[in-house]
N, C-alpha and C. Protein backbone atom coordinates (compact mmCIF):
# COMPACT_ATOMS: atom_id res chain seq x y z
N UNK A 1 25.54 9.99 -5.95
CA UNK A 1 24.27 10.20 -5.29
C UNK A 1 23.93 8.95 -4.47
N UNK A 2 23.35 9.15 -3.29
CA UNK A 2 22.95 8.01 -2.47
C UNK A 2 21.69 7.34 -3.03
N UNK A 3 21.61 6.04 -2.85
CA UNK A 3 20.48 5.25 -3.33
C UNK A 3 19.98 4.34 -2.21
N UNK A 4 18.69 4.02 -2.24
CA UNK A 4 18.12 3.04 -1.30
C UNK A 4 18.25 1.66 -1.95
N UNK A 5 18.87 0.70 -1.27
CA UNK A 5 19.02 -0.62 -1.87
C UNK A 5 17.70 -1.39 -1.94
N UNK A 6 16.69 -0.99 -1.17
CA UNK A 6 15.43 -1.72 -1.15
C UNK A 6 14.45 -1.20 -2.21
N UNK A 7 14.13 0.12 -2.15
CA UNK A 7 13.15 0.67 -3.09
C UNK A 7 13.80 1.32 -4.30
N UNK A 8 15.13 1.39 -4.31
CA UNK A 8 15.94 1.91 -5.42
C UNK A 8 15.68 3.39 -5.72
N UNK A 9 15.24 4.14 -4.69
CA UNK A 9 15.03 5.57 -4.85
C UNK A 9 16.37 6.29 -4.76
N UNK A 10 16.51 7.36 -5.54
CA UNK A 10 17.72 8.16 -5.52
C UNK A 10 17.50 9.37 -4.61
N UNK A 11 18.53 9.74 -3.83
CA UNK A 11 18.44 10.85 -2.89
C UNK A 11 19.51 11.89 -3.19
N UNK A 12 19.28 13.10 -2.70
CA UNK A 12 20.29 14.15 -2.82
C UNK A 12 21.40 13.87 -1.81
N UNK A 13 22.54 14.49 -2.06
CA UNK A 13 23.67 14.36 -1.13
C UNK A 13 23.26 14.85 0.25
N UNK A 14 23.78 14.21 1.27
CA UNK A 14 23.47 14.60 2.63
C UNK A 14 22.49 13.66 3.32
N UNK A 15 21.70 12.92 2.54
CA UNK A 15 20.78 11.97 3.12
C UNK A 15 21.53 10.69 3.46
N UNK A 16 21.18 10.07 4.58
CA UNK A 16 21.85 8.84 5.00
C UNK A 16 20.90 7.67 5.17
N UNK A 17 19.57 7.96 5.18
CA UNK A 17 18.58 6.92 5.39
C UNK A 17 17.39 7.16 4.48
N UNK A 18 16.82 6.08 3.94
CA UNK A 18 15.62 6.19 3.09
C UNK A 18 14.45 6.60 3.96
N UNK A 19 13.70 7.61 3.54
CA UNK A 19 12.58 8.08 4.34
C UNK A 19 11.35 7.17 4.21
N UNK A 20 11.37 6.22 3.29
CA UNK A 20 10.28 5.26 3.15
C UNK A 20 10.62 3.94 3.82
N UNK A 21 11.80 3.41 3.51
CA UNK A 21 12.20 2.09 4.02
C UNK A 21 12.92 2.16 5.36
N UNK A 22 13.44 3.33 5.70
CA UNK A 22 14.16 3.55 6.96
C UNK A 22 15.37 2.63 7.08
N UNK A 23 16.11 2.49 5.98
CA UNK A 23 17.35 1.71 6.00
C UNK A 23 18.48 2.60 5.46
N UNK A 24 19.73 2.29 5.81
CA UNK A 24 20.85 3.10 5.34
C UNK A 24 20.96 3.09 3.81
N UNK A 25 21.36 4.24 3.27
CA UNK A 25 21.53 4.37 1.82
C UNK A 25 22.91 3.87 1.42
N UNK A 26 23.04 3.52 0.14
CA UNK A 26 24.33 3.11 -0.41
C UNK A 26 24.79 4.17 -1.41
N UNK A 27 26.07 4.13 -1.77
CA UNK A 27 26.63 5.20 -2.60
C UNK A 27 26.63 4.89 -4.09
N UNK A 28 25.93 3.84 -4.51
CA UNK A 28 25.86 3.50 -5.94
C UNK A 28 24.45 3.00 -6.27
N UNK A 29 24.14 2.99 -7.55
CA UNK A 29 22.82 2.52 -7.98
C UNK A 29 22.68 1.03 -7.67
N UNK A 30 21.59 0.61 -7.01
CA UNK A 30 21.43 -0.78 -6.64
C UNK A 30 21.35 -1.69 -7.87
N UNK A 31 22.08 -2.82 -7.80
CA UNK A 31 22.03 -3.77 -8.90
C UNK A 31 21.45 -5.12 -8.47
N UNK A 32 20.91 -5.19 -7.25
CA UNK A 32 20.28 -6.41 -6.78
C UNK A 32 21.19 -7.30 -5.96
N UNK A 33 22.46 -6.99 -5.89
CA UNK A 33 23.39 -7.82 -5.13
C UNK A 33 23.64 -7.27 -3.73
N UNK A 34 23.04 -6.13 -3.39
CA UNK A 34 23.26 -5.50 -2.10
C UNK A 34 22.56 -6.28 -0.98
N UNK A 35 23.19 -6.28 0.17
CA UNK A 35 22.59 -6.89 1.36
C UNK A 35 21.67 -5.85 1.99
N UNK A 36 20.41 -6.20 2.16
CA UNK A 36 19.44 -5.30 2.78
C UNK A 36 19.28 -5.75 4.23
N UNK A 37 19.66 -4.89 5.17
CA UNK A 37 19.58 -5.29 6.58
C UNK A 37 18.14 -5.49 7.03
N UNK A 38 17.93 -6.53 7.83
CA UNK A 38 16.61 -6.77 8.40
C UNK A 38 16.41 -5.82 9.57
N UNK A 39 15.28 -5.12 9.59
CA UNK A 39 15.05 -4.16 10.68
C UNK A 39 14.77 -4.90 12.00
N UNK A 40 15.23 -4.31 13.08
CA UNK A 40 14.97 -4.84 14.41
C UNK A 40 13.57 -4.39 14.82
N UNK A 41 12.66 -5.34 15.10
CA UNK A 41 11.27 -4.95 15.42
C UNK A 41 11.17 -3.99 16.61
N UNK A 42 11.99 -4.18 17.62
CA UNK A 42 11.93 -3.29 18.79
C UNK A 42 12.38 -1.88 18.41
N UNK A 43 13.42 -1.80 17.59
CA UNK A 43 13.92 -0.48 17.16
C UNK A 43 12.90 0.19 16.25
N UNK A 44 12.28 -0.58 15.36
CA UNK A 44 11.26 -0.03 14.47
C UNK A 44 10.09 0.54 15.27
N UNK A 45 9.67 -0.20 16.29
CA UNK A 45 8.56 0.25 17.13
C UNK A 45 8.93 1.54 17.86
N UNK A 46 10.15 1.62 18.38
CA UNK A 46 10.61 2.82 19.07
C UNK A 46 10.67 4.01 18.11
N UNK A 47 11.12 3.78 16.88
CA UNK A 47 11.19 4.86 15.89
C UNK A 47 9.80 5.35 15.52
N UNK A 48 8.85 4.42 15.35
CA UNK A 48 7.47 4.83 15.04
C UNK A 48 6.88 5.66 16.18
N UNK A 49 7.17 5.23 17.42
CA UNK A 49 6.66 5.96 18.57
C UNK A 49 7.27 7.36 18.63
N UNK A 50 8.55 7.47 18.35
CA UNK A 50 9.22 8.77 18.35
C UNK A 50 8.66 9.67 17.26
N UNK A 51 8.40 9.11 16.06
CA UNK A 51 7.82 9.92 14.97
C UNK A 51 6.42 10.39 15.33
N UNK A 52 5.61 9.52 15.95
CA UNK A 52 4.27 9.93 16.38
C UNK A 52 4.35 11.04 17.41
N UNK A 53 5.29 10.93 18.35
CA UNK A 53 5.45 11.95 19.38
C UNK A 53 5.86 13.28 18.75
N UNK A 54 6.79 13.24 17.79
CA UNK A 54 7.22 14.47 17.12
C UNK A 54 6.06 15.10 16.35
N UNK A 55 5.26 14.26 15.70
CA UNK A 55 4.11 14.77 14.94
C UNK A 55 3.12 15.43 15.89
N UNK A 56 2.84 14.80 17.02
CA UNK A 56 1.92 15.37 17.99
C UNK A 56 2.45 16.69 18.54
N UNK A 57 3.75 16.76 18.81
CA UNK A 57 4.34 18.00 19.31
C UNK A 57 4.22 19.12 18.29
N UNK A 58 4.41 18.81 17.00
CA UNK A 58 4.25 19.84 15.97
C UNK A 58 2.82 20.35 15.93
N UNK A 59 1.86 19.46 16.08
CA UNK A 59 0.45 19.87 16.08
C UNK A 59 0.17 20.78 17.28
N UNK A 60 0.66 20.40 18.46
CA UNK A 60 0.44 21.20 19.66
C UNK A 60 1.10 22.57 19.51
N UNK A 61 2.32 22.60 18.98
CA UNK A 61 3.00 23.88 18.77
C UNK A 61 2.23 24.77 17.82
N UNK A 62 1.70 24.20 16.76
CA UNK A 62 0.92 24.97 15.79
C UNK A 62 -0.34 25.54 16.45
N UNK A 63 -1.01 24.71 17.24
CA UNK A 63 -2.21 25.19 17.93
C UNK A 63 -1.89 26.32 18.90
N UNK A 64 -0.77 26.21 19.60
CA UNK A 64 -0.38 27.28 20.54
C UNK A 64 -0.14 28.58 19.78
N UNK A 65 0.55 28.51 18.66
CA UNK A 65 0.81 29.72 17.87
C UNK A 65 -0.50 30.33 17.38
N UNK A 66 -1.41 29.50 16.92
CA UNK A 66 -2.71 30.00 16.45
C UNK A 66 -3.47 30.66 17.59
N UNK A 67 -3.49 30.01 18.76
CA UNK A 67 -4.19 30.59 19.90
C UNK A 67 -3.57 31.91 20.36
N UNK A 68 -2.24 31.98 20.35
CA UNK A 68 -1.59 33.24 20.71
C UNK A 68 -1.92 34.34 19.70
N UNK A 69 -1.96 34.01 18.43
CA UNK A 69 -2.30 35.00 17.41
C UNK A 69 -3.74 35.48 17.59
N UNK A 70 -4.64 34.55 17.86
CA UNK A 70 -6.04 34.95 18.09
C UNK A 70 -6.17 35.82 19.33
N UNK A 71 -5.44 35.47 20.39
CA UNK A 71 -5.48 36.28 21.61
C UNK A 71 -4.97 37.69 21.33
N UNK A 72 -3.91 37.81 20.54
CA UNK A 72 -3.37 39.12 20.20
C UNK A 72 -4.39 39.93 19.40
N UNK A 73 -5.07 39.30 18.48
CA UNK A 73 -6.07 40.00 17.67
C UNK A 73 -7.20 40.50 18.55
N UNK A 74 -7.70 39.65 19.44
CA UNK A 74 -8.80 40.07 20.33
C UNK A 74 -8.37 41.16 21.29
N UNK A 75 -7.14 41.10 21.79
CA UNK A 75 -6.65 42.15 22.67
C UNK A 75 -6.54 43.48 21.93
N UNK A 76 -6.04 43.45 20.72
CA UNK A 76 -5.92 44.68 19.93
C UNK A 76 -7.28 45.26 19.59
N UNK A 77 -8.25 44.39 19.33
CA UNK A 77 -9.61 44.88 19.02
C UNK A 77 -10.23 45.52 20.25
N UNK A 78 -10.00 44.95 21.41
CA UNK A 78 -10.57 45.49 22.65
C UNK A 78 -9.90 46.80 23.04
N UNK A 79 -8.66 47.00 22.62
CA UNK A 79 -7.96 48.25 22.93
C UNK A 79 -8.36 49.36 21.97
N UNK A 80 -9.06 49.02 20.91
CA UNK A 80 -9.51 50.03 19.96
C UNK A 80 -8.49 50.39 18.92
N UNK A 81 -7.53 49.56 18.71
CA UNK A 81 -6.48 49.85 17.72
C UNK A 81 -6.91 49.39 16.37
């Protein structure tokens, strides 16, 4: 099972990065001797910006679906169905 060397969280197979620390996982339980890579501030900032953009896009997509559903309901009500 993959492990995070920083927070020592265990992950299921298939994960390659800790979702909290955002560092690569290792293939054994951390014993304190692992090298924890220092994050690049510019890369961290770009990743945060990308996550914010993805979050905003999900919100906009959800609102569009809700508005389309409401429009369909109002159209069906006006048609007398």
